[in-house]
């Protein structure tokens, strides 16, 4: 069973510029996870599907790029669901850096 986190991250870049910045910086996500992680991603239209694997856990996520916002969906497996609040706060704090 997974615990989903859904959120929107506003921006003023337009869809194409936001997508280019996210695509260029998704590889740096692993550096924000203690102990490191393996991040894989693929695009389907304007939705990036990516998986973060770390400490024996795999977190499947989706990020859809719109002209004025990113819509993120993160599926936290098992016990990580108990950390949904702190994980949401960290994503809200760090996600805007993907757009800079």
PDB file of N, CA and C in Angstrom:
ATOM      1  N   UNK A   1       0.837  -1.173   0.000  1.00  0.00           N
ATOM      2  CA  UNK A   1       0.000   0.000   0.000  1.00  0.00           C
ATOM      3  C   UNK A   1       0.890   1.247   0.000  1.00  0.00           C
ATOM      4  N   UNK A   2       0.484   2.252  -0.757  1.00  0.00           N
ATOM      5  CA  UNK A   2       1.248   3.485  -0.832  1.00  0.00           C
ATOM      6  C   UNK A   2       0.452   4.654  -0.264  1.00  0.00           C
ATOM      7  N   UNK A   3       1.181   5.656   0.185  1.00  0.00           N
ATOM      8  CA  UNK A   3       0.586   6.903   0.644  1.00  0.00           C
ATOM      9  C   UNK A   3       0.939   7.967  -0.388  1.00  0.00           C
ATOM     10  N   UNK A   4      -0.068   8.527  -1.070  1.00  0.00           N
ATOM     11  CA  UNK A   4       0.244   9.531  -2.091  1.00  0.00           C
ATOM     12  C   UNK A   4       0.397  10.932  -1.501  1.00  0.00           C
ATOM     13  N   UNK A   5       1.310  11.672  -2.073  1.00  0.00           N
ATOM     14  CA  UNK A   5       1.446  13.099  -1.813  1.00  0.00           C
ATOM     15  C   UNK A   5       1.193  13.780  -3.152  1.00  0.00           C
ATOM     16  N   UNK A   6       0.306  14.751  -3.141  1.00  0.00           N
ATOM     17  CA  UNK A   6       0.026  15.521  -4.362  1.00  0.00           C
ATOM     18  C   UNK A   6       0.171  16.998  -4.031  1.00  0.00           C
ATOM     19  N   UNK A   7       0.841  17.721  -4.915  1.00  0.00           N
ATOM     20  CA  UNK A   7       1.021  19.154  -4.674  1.00  0.00           C
ATOM     21  C   UNK A   7       1.304  19.878  -5.982  1.00  0.00           C
ATOM     22  N   UNK A   8       1.075  21.176  -5.968  1.00  0.00           N
ATOM     23  CA  UNK A   8       1.393  22.033  -7.100  1.00  0.00           C
ATOM     24  C   UNK A   8       2.492  23.002  -6.691  1.00  0.00           C
ATOM     25  N   UNK A   9       3.422  23.232  -7.593  1.00  0.00           N
ATOM     26  CA  UNK A   9       4.522  24.153  -7.384  1.00  0.00           C
ATOM     27  C   UNK A   9       4.393  25.238  -8.453  1.00  0.00           C
ATOM     28  N   UNK A  10       4.013  26.452  -8.062  1.00  0.00           N
ATOM     29  CA  UNK A  10       3.808  27.512  -9.059  1.00  0.00           C
ATOM     30  C   UNK A  10       5.120  28.012  -9.662  1.00  0.00           C
ATOM     31  N   UNK A  11       5.036  28.491 -10.892  1.00  0.00           N
ATOM     32  CA  UNK A  11       6.183  29.124 -11.556  1.00  0.00           C
ATOM     33  C   UNK A  11       5.653  30.114 -12.585  1.00  0.00           C
ATOM     34  N   UNK A  12       6.555  30.912 -13.133  1.00  0.00           N
ATOM     35  CA  UNK A  12       6.187  31.895 -14.149  1.00  0.00           C
ATOM     36  C   UNK A  12       7.058  31.755 -15.387  1.00  0.00           C
ATOM     37  N   UNK A  13       7.508  30.550 -15.658  1.00  0.00           N
ATOM     38  CA  UNK A  13       8.462  30.317 -16.743  1.00  0.00           C
ATOM     39  C   UNK A  13       7.833  29.956 -18.076  1.00  0.00           C
ATOM     40  N   UNK A  14       6.601  29.521 -18.064  1.00  0.00           N
ATOM     41  CA  UNK A  14       6.018  28.909 -19.255  1.00  0.00           C
ATOM     42  C   UNK A  14       6.359  27.428 -19.263  1.00  0.00           C
ATOM     43  N   UNK A  15       5.568  26.663 -20.014  1.00  0.00           N
ATOM     44  CA  UNK A  15       5.714  25.208 -20.005  1.00  0.00           C
ATOM     45  C   UNK A  15       7.070  24.742 -20.534  1.00  0.00           C
ATOM     46  N   UNK A  16       7.491  25.253 -21.674  1.00  0.00           N
ATOM     47  CA  UNK A  16       8.722  24.754 -22.297  1.00  0.00           C
ATOM     48  C   UNK A  16       9.961  25.046 -21.455  1.00  0.00           C
ATOM     49  N   UNK A  17      10.059  26.258 -20.912  1.00  0.00           N
ATOM     50  CA  UNK A  17      11.225  26.611 -20.090  1.00  0.00           C
ATOM     51  C   UNK A  17      11.234  25.814 -18.791  1.00  0.00           C
ATOM     52  N   UNK A  18      10.058  25.634 -18.187  1.00  0.00           N
ATOM     53  CA  UNK A  18       9.987  24.852 -16.949  1.00  0.00           C
ATOM     54  C   UNK A  18      10.390  23.405 -17.207  1.00  0.00           C
ATOM     55  N   UNK A  19       9.905  22.850 -18.293  1.00  0.00           N
ATOM     56  CA  UNK A  19      10.251  21.465 -18.621  1.00  0.00           C
ATOM     57  C   UNK A  19      11.751  21.318 -18.849  1.00  0.00           C
ATOM     58  N   UNK A  20      12.356  22.245 -19.559  1.00  0.00           N
ATOM     59  CA  UNK A  20      13.794  22.175 -19.829  1.00  0.00           C
ATOM     60  C   UNK A  20      14.599  22.248 -18.536  1.00  0.00           C
ATOM     61  N   UNK A  21      14.194  23.094 -17.615  1.00  0.00           N
ATOM     62  CA  UNK A  21      14.931  23.206 -16.352  1.00  0.00           C
ATOM     63  C   UNK A  21      14.794  21.960 -15.500  1.00  0.00           C
ATOM     64  N   UNK A  22      13.586  21.416 -15.433  1.00  0.00           N
ATOM     65  CA  UNK A  22      13.378  20.187 -14.667  1.00  0.00           C
ATOM     66  C   UNK A  22      14.196  19.052 -15.266  1.00  0.00           C
ATOM     67  N   UNK A  23      14.170  18.937 -16.583  1.00  0.00           N
ATOM     68  CA  UNK A  23      14.905  17.863 -17.253  1.00  0.00           C
ATOM     69  C   UNK A  23      16.407  17.986 -17.012  1.00  0.00           C
ATOM     70  N   UNK A  24      16.915  19.207 -16.996  1.00  0.00           N
ATOM     71  CA  UNK A  24      18.345  19.425 -16.800  1.00  0.00           C
ATOM     72  C   UNK A  24      18.785  19.150 -15.365  1.00  0.00           C
ATOM     73  N   UNK A  25      17.874  19.274 -14.400  1.00  0.00           N
ATOM     74  CA  UNK A  25      18.271  19.184 -12.996  1.00  0.00           C
ATOM     75  C   UNK A  25      17.791  17.941 -12.264  1.00  0.00           C
ATOM     76  N   UNK A  26      17.006  17.085 -12.886  1.00  0.00           N
ATOM     77  CA  UNK A  26      16.466  15.914 -12.177  1.00  0.00           C
ATOM     78  C   UNK A  26      17.587  15.001 -11.682  1.00  0.00           C
ATOM     79  N   UNK A  27      18.683  14.938 -12.373  1.00  0.00           N
ATOM     80  CA  UNK A  27      19.800  14.093 -11.963  1.00  0.00           C
ATOM     81  C   UNK A  27      20.434  14.521 -10.649  1.00  0.00           C
ATOM     82  N   UNK A  28      20.265  15.792 -10.265  1.00  0.00           N
ATOM     83  CA  UNK A  28      20.836  16.297  -9.018  1.00  0.00           C
ATOM     84  C   UNK A  28      20.011  15.903  -7.801  1.00  0.00           C
ATOM     85  N   UNK A  29      18.842  15.329  -8.024  1.00  0.00           N
ATOM     86  CA  UNK A  29      17.964  14.925  -6.923  1.00  0.00           C
ATOM     87  C   UNK A  29      18.654  13.934  -5.991  1.00  0.00           C
ATOM     88  N   UNK A  30      19.434  13.038  -6.540  1.00  0.00           N
ATOM     89  CA  UNK A  30      20.097  12.017  -5.724  1.00  0.00           C
ATOM     90  C   UNK A  30      20.991  12.633  -4.656  1.00  0.00           C
ATOM     91  N   UNK A  31      21.571  13.779  -4.934  1.00  0.00           N
ATOM     92  CA  UNK A  31      22.455  14.434  -3.990  1.00  0.00           C
ATOM     93  C   UNK A  31      21.734  15.006  -2.774  1.00  0.00           C
ATOM     94  N   UNK A  32      20.422  15.104  -2.829  1.00  0.00           N
ATOM     95  CA  UNK A  32      19.637  15.635  -1.717  1.00  0.00           C
ATOM     96  C   UNK A  32      19.137  14.542  -0.775  1.00  0.00           C
ATOM     97  N   UNK A  33      19.475  13.310  -1.079  1.00  0.00           N
ATOM     98  CA  UNK A  33      19.001  12.184  -0.276  1.00  0.00           C
ATOM     99  C   UNK A  33      20.174  11.624   0.516  1.00  0.00           C
ATOM    100  N   UNK A  34      20.046  11.590   1.850  1.00  0.00           N
ATOM    101  CA  UNK A  34      21.146  11.073   2.682  1.00  0.00           C
ATOM    102  C   UNK A  34      21.565   9.672   2.226  1.00  0.00           C
ATOM    103  N   UNK A  35      22.847   9.474   2.047  1.00  0.00           N
ATOM    104  CA  UNK A  35      23.346   8.178   1.607  1.00  0.00           C
ATOM    105  C   UNK A  35      23.303   7.999   0.107  1.00  0.00           C
ATOM    106  N   UNK A  36      22.749   8.976  -0.623  1.00  0.00           N
ATOM    107  CA  UNK A  36      22.661   8.884  -2.078  1.00  0.00           C
ATOM    108  C   UNK A  36      21.469   8.076  -2.532  1.00  0.00           C
ATOM    109  N   UNK A  37      21.235   8.091  -3.818  1.00  0.00           N
ATOM    110  CA  UNK A  37      20.088   7.394  -4.396  1.00  0.00           C
ATOM    111  C   UNK A  37      20.337   7.179  -5.878  1.00  0.00           C
ATOM    112  N   UNK A  38      19.533   6.306  -6.455  1.00  0.00           N
ATOM    113  CA  UNK A  38      19.532   6.086  -7.894  1.00  0.00           C
ATOM    114  C   UNK A  38      18.232   6.681  -8.423  1.00  0.00           C
ATOM    115  N   UNK A  39      18.339   7.622  -9.366  1.00  0.00           N
ATOM    116  CA  UNK A  39      17.162   8.276  -9.925  1.00  0.00           C
ATOM    117  C   UNK A  39      17.075   7.932 -11.405  1.00  0.00           C
ATOM    118  N   UNK A  40      15.952   7.387 -11.815  1.00  0.00           N
ATOM    119  CA  UNK A  40      15.705   7.119 -13.232  1.00  0.00           C
ATOM    120  C   UNK A  40      14.463   7.907 -13.636  1.00  0.00           C
ATOM    121  N   UNK A  41      14.430   8.340 -14.898  1.00  0.00           N
ATOM    122  CA  UNK A  41      13.264   9.092 -15.355  1.00  0.00           C
ATOM    123  C   UNK A  41      13.024   8.886 -16.846  1.00  0.00           C
ATOM    124  N   UNK A  42      11.773   9.169 -17.222  1.00  0.00           N
ATOM    125  CA  UNK A  42      11.374   9.132 -18.636  1.00  0.00           C
ATOM    126  C   UNK A  42      10.207  10.101 -18.799  1.00  0.00           C
ATOM    127  N   UNK A  43      10.058  10.624 -19.993  1.00  0.00           N
ATOM    128  CA  UNK A  43       8.978  11.554 -20.291  1.00  0.00           C
ATOM    129  C   UNK A  43       7.893  10.862 -21.104  1.00  0.00           C
ATOM    130  N   UNK A  44       6.655  11.184 -20.788  1.00  0.00           N
ATOM    131  CA  UNK A  44       5.492  10.844 -21.616  1.00  0.00           C
ATOM    132  C   UNK A  44       4.748  12.151 -21.804  1.00  0.00           C
ATOM    133  N   UNK A  45       4.912  12.766 -22.965  1.00  0.00           N
ATOM    134  CA  UNK A  45       4.346  14.095 -23.181  1.00  0.00           C
ATOM    135  C   UNK A  45       4.979  15.079 -22.216  1.00  0.00           C
ATOM    136  N   UNK A  46       4.153  15.796 -21.464  1.00  0.00           N
ATOM    137  CA  UNK A  46       4.659  16.765 -20.496  1.00  0.00           C
ATOM    138  C   UNK A  46       4.709  16.208 -19.079  1.00  0.00           C
ATOM    139  N   UNK A  47       4.633  14.891 -18.954  1.00  0.00           N
ATOM    140  CA  UNK A  47       4.716  14.254 -17.637  1.00  0.00           C
ATOM    141  C   UNK A  47       6.006  13.451 -17.537  1.00  0.00           C
ATOM    142  N   UNK A  48       6.790  13.785 -16.519  1.00  0.00           N
ATOM    143  CA  UNK A  48       8.002  13.026 -16.229  1.00  0.00           C
ATOM    144  C   UNK A  48       7.644  11.961 -15.194  1.00  0.00           C
ATOM    145  N   UNK A  49       7.929  10.719 -15.509  1.00  0.00           N
ATOM    146  CA  UNK A  49       7.783   9.617 -14.562  1.00  0.00           C
ATOM    147  C   UNK A  49       9.179   9.340 -14.042  1.00  0.00           C
ATOM    148  N   UNK A  50       9.353   9.362 -12.732  1.00  0.00           N
ATOM    149  CA  UNK A  50      10.678   9.077 -12.204  1.00  0.00           C
ATOM    150  C   UNK A  50      10.586   8.256 -10.934  1.00  0.00           C
ATOM    151  N   UNK A  51      11.647   7.492 -10.699  1.00  0.00           N
ATOM    152  CA  UNK A  51      11.737   6.625  -9.533  1.00  0.00           C
ATOM    153  C   UNK A  51      13.019   6.965  -8.793  1.00  0.00           C
ATOM    154  N   UNK A  52      12.877   7.086  -7.486  1.00  0.00           N
ATOM    155  CA  UNK A  52      14.026   7.306  -6.617  1.00  0.00           C
ATOM    156  C   UNK A  52      14.205   6.035  -5.793  1.00  0.00           C
ATOM    157  N   UNK A  53      15.354   5.400  -5.896  1.00  0.00           N
ATOM    158  CA  UNK A  53      15.648   4.187  -5.137  1.00  0.00           C
ATOM    159  C   UNK A  53      16.763   4.500  -4.151  1.00  0.00           C
ATOM    160  N   UNK A  54      16.464   4.287  -2.865  1.00  0.00           N
ATOM    161  CA  UNK A  54      17.454   4.559  -1.815  1.00  0.00           C
ATOM    162  C   UNK A  54      17.102   3.739  -0.585  1.00  0.00           C
ATOM    163  N   UNK A  55      18.112   3.293   0.114  1.00  0.00           N
ATOM    164  CA  UNK A  55      17.943   2.565   1.378  1.00  0.00           C
ATOM    165  C   UNK A  55      16.904   1.441   1.283  1.00  0.00           C
ATOM    166  N   UNK A  56      16.923   0.719   0.180  1.00  0.00           N
ATOM    167  CA  UNK A  56      16.036  -0.418   0.007  1.00  0.00           C
ATOM    168  C   UNK A  56      14.599  -0.065  -0.333  1.00  0.00           C
ATOM    169  N   UNK A  57      14.315   1.190  -0.592  1.00  0.00           N
ATOM    170  CA  UNK A  57      12.966   1.640  -0.934  1.00  0.00           C
ATOM    171  C   UNK A  57      12.965   2.222  -2.344  1.00  0.00           C
ATOM    172  N   UNK A  58      11.827   2.090  -3.016  1.00  0.00           N
ATOM    173  CA  UNK A  58      11.643   2.727  -4.321  1.00  0.00           C
ATOM    174  C   UNK A  58      10.410   3.608  -4.245  1.00  0.00           C
ATOM    175  N   UNK A  59      10.582   4.866  -4.625  1.00  0.00           N
ATOM    176  CA  UNK A  59       9.491   5.822  -4.598  1.00  0.00           C
ATOM    177  C   UNK A  59       9.186   6.222  -6.038  1.00  0.00           C
ATOM    178  N   UNK A  60       7.999   5.860  -6.500  1.00  0.00           N
ATOM    179  CA  UNK A  60       7.556   6.217  -7.849  1.00  0.00           C
ATOM    180  C   UNK A  60       6.868   7.577  -7.787  1.00  0.00           C
ATOM    181  N   UNK A  61       7.205   8.434  -8.759  1.00  0.00           N
ATOM    182  CA  UNK A  61       6.668   9.789  -8.770  1.00  0.00           C
ATOM    183  C   UNK A  61       6.371  10.233 -10.190  1.00  0.00           C
ATOM    184  N   UNK A  62       5.502  11.247 -10.278  1.00  0.00           N
ATOM    185  CA  UNK A  62       5.179  11.858 -11.555  1.00  0.00           C
ATOM    186  C   UNK A  62       5.207  13.371 -11.374  1.00  0.00           C
ATOM    187  N   UNK A  63       5.659  14.046 -12.410  1.00  0.00           N
ATOM    188  CA  UNK A  63       5.723  15.500 -12.391  1.00  0.00           C
ATOM    189  C   UNK A  63       5.198  15.988 -13.735  1.00  0.00           C
ATOM    190  N   UNK A  64       4.049  16.653 -13.706  1.00  0.00           N
ATOM    191  CA  UNK A  64       3.448  17.166 -14.932  1.00  0.00           C
ATOM    192  C   UNK A  64       3.711  18.669 -15.014  1.00  0.00           C
ATOM    193  N   UNK A  65       4.199  19.092 -16.165  1.00  0.00           N
ATOM    194  CA  UNK A  65       4.562  20.489 -16.370  1.00  0.00           C
ATOM    195  C   UNK A  65       3.408  21.218 -17.056  1.00  0.00           C
ATOM    196  N   UNK A  66       2.969  22.294 -16.426  1.00  0.00           N
ATOM    197  CA  UNK A  66       1.967  23.186 -16.996  1.00  0.00           C
ATOM    198  C   UNK A  66       2.611  24.553 -17.197  1.00  0.00           C
ATOM    199  N   UNK A  67       1.945  25.440 -17.889  1.00  0.00           N
ATOM    200  CA  UNK A  67       2.488  26.767 -18.175  1.00  0.00           C
ATOM    201  C   UNK A  67       2.747  27.575 -16.915  1.00  0.00           C
ATOM    202  N   UNK A  68       1.985  27.316 -15.843  1.00  0.00           N
ATOM    203  CA  UNK A  68       2.086  28.132 -14.633  1.00  0.00           C
ATOM    204  C   UNK A  68       2.402  27.352 -13.361  1.00  0.00           C
ATOM    205  N   UNK A  69       2.559  26.033 -13.477  1.00  0.00           N
ATOM    206  CA  UNK A  69       2.827  25.230 -12.285  1.00  0.00           C
ATOM    207  C   UNK A  69       3.357  23.855 -12.680  1.00  0.00           C
ATOM    208  N   UNK A  70       3.981  23.191 -11.698  1.00  0.00           N
ATOM    209  CA  UNK A  70       4.314  21.777 -11.793  1.00  0.00           C
ATOM    210  C   UNK A  70       3.344  21.049 -10.882  1.00  0.00           C
ATOM    211  N   UNK A  71       2.795  19.948 -11.339  1.00  0.00           N
ATOM    212  CA  UNK A  71       1.943  19.122 -10.477  1.00  0.00           C
ATOM    213  C   UNK A  71       2.723  17.853 -10.158  1.00  0.00           C
ATOM    214  N   UNK A  72       3.009  17.651  -8.875  1.00  0.00           N
ATOM    215  CA  UNK A  72       3.792  16.500  -8.428  1.00  0.00           C
ATOM    216  C   UNK A  72       2.907  15.485  -7.742  1.00  0.00           C
ATOM    217  N   UNK A  73       3.145  14.225  -8.021  1.00  0.00           N
ATOM    218  CA  UNK A  73       2.499  13.102  -7.342  1.00  0.00           C
ATOM    219  C   UNK A  73       3.595  12.133  -6.929  1.00  0.00           C
ATOM    220  N   UNK A  74       3.656  11.874  -5.636  1.00  0.00           N
ATOM    221  CA  UNK A  74       4.696  11.015  -5.068  1.00  0.00           C
ATOM    222  C   UNK A  74       4.003   9.889  -4.320  1.00  0.00           C
ATOM    223  N   UNK A  75       4.322   8.651  -4.658  1.00  0.00           N
ATOM    224  CA  UNK A  75       3.721   7.482  -4.007  1.00  0.00           C
ATOM    225  C   UNK A  75       4.718   6.906  -3.009  1.00  0.00           C
ATOM    226  N   UNK A  76       4.472   7.160  -1.732  1.00  0.00           N
ATOM    227  CA  UNK A  76       5.375   6.682  -0.678  1.00  0.00           C
ATOM    228  C   UNK A  76       5.003   5.253  -0.290  1.00  0.00           C
ATOM    229  N   UNK A  77       5.940   4.307  -0.430  1.00  0.00           N
ATOM    230  CA  UNK A  77       5.642   2.916  -0.090  1.00  0.00           C
ATOM    231  C   UNK A  77       5.730   2.664   1.413  1.00  0.00           C
ATOM    232  N   UNK A  78       4.932   1.719   1.881  1.00  0.00           N
ATOM    233  CA  UNK A  78       5.029   1.187   3.241  1.00  0.00           C
ATOM    234  C   UNK A  78       5.248   2.202   4.335  1.00  0.00           C
ATOM    235  N   UNK A  79       6.296   1.974   5.105  1.00  0.00           N
ATOM    236  CA  UNK A  79       6.578   2.801   6.274  1.00  0.00           C
ATOM    237  C   UNK A  79       6.943   4.241   5.930  1.00  0.00           C
ATOM    238  N   UNK A  80       7.381   4.500   4.708  1.00  0.00           N
ATOM    239  CA  UNK A  80       7.676   5.881   4.336  1.00  0.00           C
ATOM    240  C   UNK A  80       6.417   6.750   4.386  1.00  0.00           C
ATOM    241  N   UNK A  81       5.253   6.126   4.278  1.00  0.00           N
ATOM    242  CA  UNK A  81       3.999   6.861   4.377  1.00  0.00           C
ATOM    243  C   UNK A  81       3.858   7.583   5.703  1.00  0.00           C
ATOM    244  N   UNK A  82       4.468   7.047   6.764  1.00  0.00           N
ATOM    245  CA  UNK A  82       4.406   7.696   8.078  1.00  0.00           C
ATOM    246  C   UNK A  82       5.198   9.009   8.083  1.00  0.00           C
ATOM    247  N   UNK A  83       6.071   9.180   7.105  1.00  0.00           N
ATOM    248  CA  UNK A  83       6.881  10.393   7.005  1.00  0.00           C
ATOM    249  C   UNK A  83       6.342  11.351   5.945  1.00  0.00           C
ATOM    250  N   UNK A  84       5.091  11.176   5.556  1.00  0.00           N
ATOM    251  CA  UNK A  84       4.516  11.988   4.481  1.00  0.00           C
ATOM    252  C   UNK A  84       4.602  13.482   4.783  1.00  0.00           C
ATOM    253  N   UNK A  85       4.336  13.897   6.010  1.00  0.00           N
ATOM    254  CA  UNK A  85       4.392  15.322   6.366  1.00  0.00           C
ATOM    255  C   UNK A  85       5.772  15.924   6.167  1.00  0.00           C
ATOM    256  N   UNK A  86       6.800  15.346   6.785  1.00  0.00           N
ATOM    257  CA  UNK A  86       8.149  15.885   6.580  1.00  0.00           C
ATOM    258  C   UNK A  86       8.628  15.783   5.131  1.00  0.00           C
ATOM    259  N   UNK A  87       8.242  14.734   4.428  1.00  0.00           N
ATOM    260  CA  UNK A  87       8.648  14.598   3.030  1.00  0.00           C
ATOM    261  C   UNK A  87       7.971  15.680   2.193  1.00  0.00           C
ATOM    262  N   UNK A  88       6.688  15.919   2.430  1.00  0.00           N
ATOM    263  CA  UNK A  88       5.968  16.988   1.722  1.00  0.00           C
ATOM    264  C   UNK A  88       6.650  18.335   1.971  1.00  0.00           C
ATOM    265  N   UNK A  89       6.989  18.618   3.220  1.00  0.00           N
ATOM    266  CA  UNK A  89       7.637  19.887   3.556  1.00  0.00           C
ATOM    267  C   UNK A  89       8.979  20.031   2.837  1.00  0.00           C
ATOM    268  N   UNK A  90       9.750  18.954   2.778  1.00  0.00           N
ATOM    269  CA  UNK A  90      11.049  18.995   2.101  1.00  0.00           C
ATOM    270  C   UNK A  90      10.869  19.229   0.599  1.00  0.00           C
ATOM    271  N   UNK A  91       9.878  18.573  -0.005  1.00  0.00           N
ATOM    272  CA  UNK A  91       9.635  18.762  -1.438  1.00  0.00           C
ATOM    273  C   UNK A  91       9.186  20.198  -1.709  1.00  0.00           C
ATOM    274  N   UNK A  92       8.290  20.730  -0.881  1.00  0.00           N
ATOM    275  CA  UNK A  92       7.830  22.105  -1.066  1.00  0.00           C
ATOM    276  C   UNK A  92       8.985  23.100  -0.940  1.00  0.00           C
ATOM    277  N   UNK A  93       9.929  22.806  -0.066  1.00  0.00           N
ATOM    278  CA  UNK A  93      11.078  23.679   0.146  1.00  0.00           C
ATOM    279  C   UNK A  93      12.085  23.564  -0.998  1.00  0.00           C
ATOM    280  N   UNK A  94      12.333  22.355  -1.492  1.00  0.00           N
ATOM    281  CA  UNK A  94      13.394  22.114  -2.462  1.00  0.00           C
ATOM    282  C   UNK A  94      12.946  22.162  -3.923  1.00  0.00           C
ATOM    283  N   UNK A  95      11.698  21.844  -4.219  1.00  0.00           N
ATOM    284  CA  UNK A  95      11.240  21.757  -5.616  1.00  0.00           C
ATOM    285  C   UNK A  95      11.430  23.053  -6.392  1.00  0.00           C
ATOM    286  N   UNK A  96      11.191  24.226  -5.797  1.00  0.00           N
ATOM    287  CA  UNK A  96      11.409  25.447  -6.591  1.00  0.00           C
ATOM    288  C   UNK A  96      12.849  25.587  -7.113  1.00  0.00           C
ATOM    289  N   UNK A  97      13.798  24.936  -6.483  1.00  0.00           N
ATOM    290  CA  UNK A  97      15.185  24.987  -6.967  1.00  0.00           C
ATOM    291  C   UNK A  97      15.354  24.292  -8.304  1.00  0.00           C
ATOM    292  N   UNK A  98      14.468  23.361  -8.637  1.00  0.00           N
ATOM    293  CA  UNK A  98      14.505  22.717  -9.951  1.00  0.00           C
ATOM    294  C   UNK A  98      14.241  23.721 -11.068  1.00  0.00           C
ATOM    295  N   UNK A  99      13.599  24.820 -10.719  1.00  0.00           N
ATOM    296  CA  UNK A  99      13.198  25.795 -11.726  1.00  0.00           C
ATOM    297  C   UNK A  99      14.155  26.981 -11.831  1.00  0.00           C
ATOM    298  N   UNK A 100      15.204  27.000 -11.028  1.00  0.00           N
ATOM    299  CA  UNK A 100      16.151  28.133 -11.065  1.00  0.00           C
ATOM    300  C   UNK A 100      17.316  27.840 -11.968  1.00  0.00           C
TER     301      UNK A 100
END
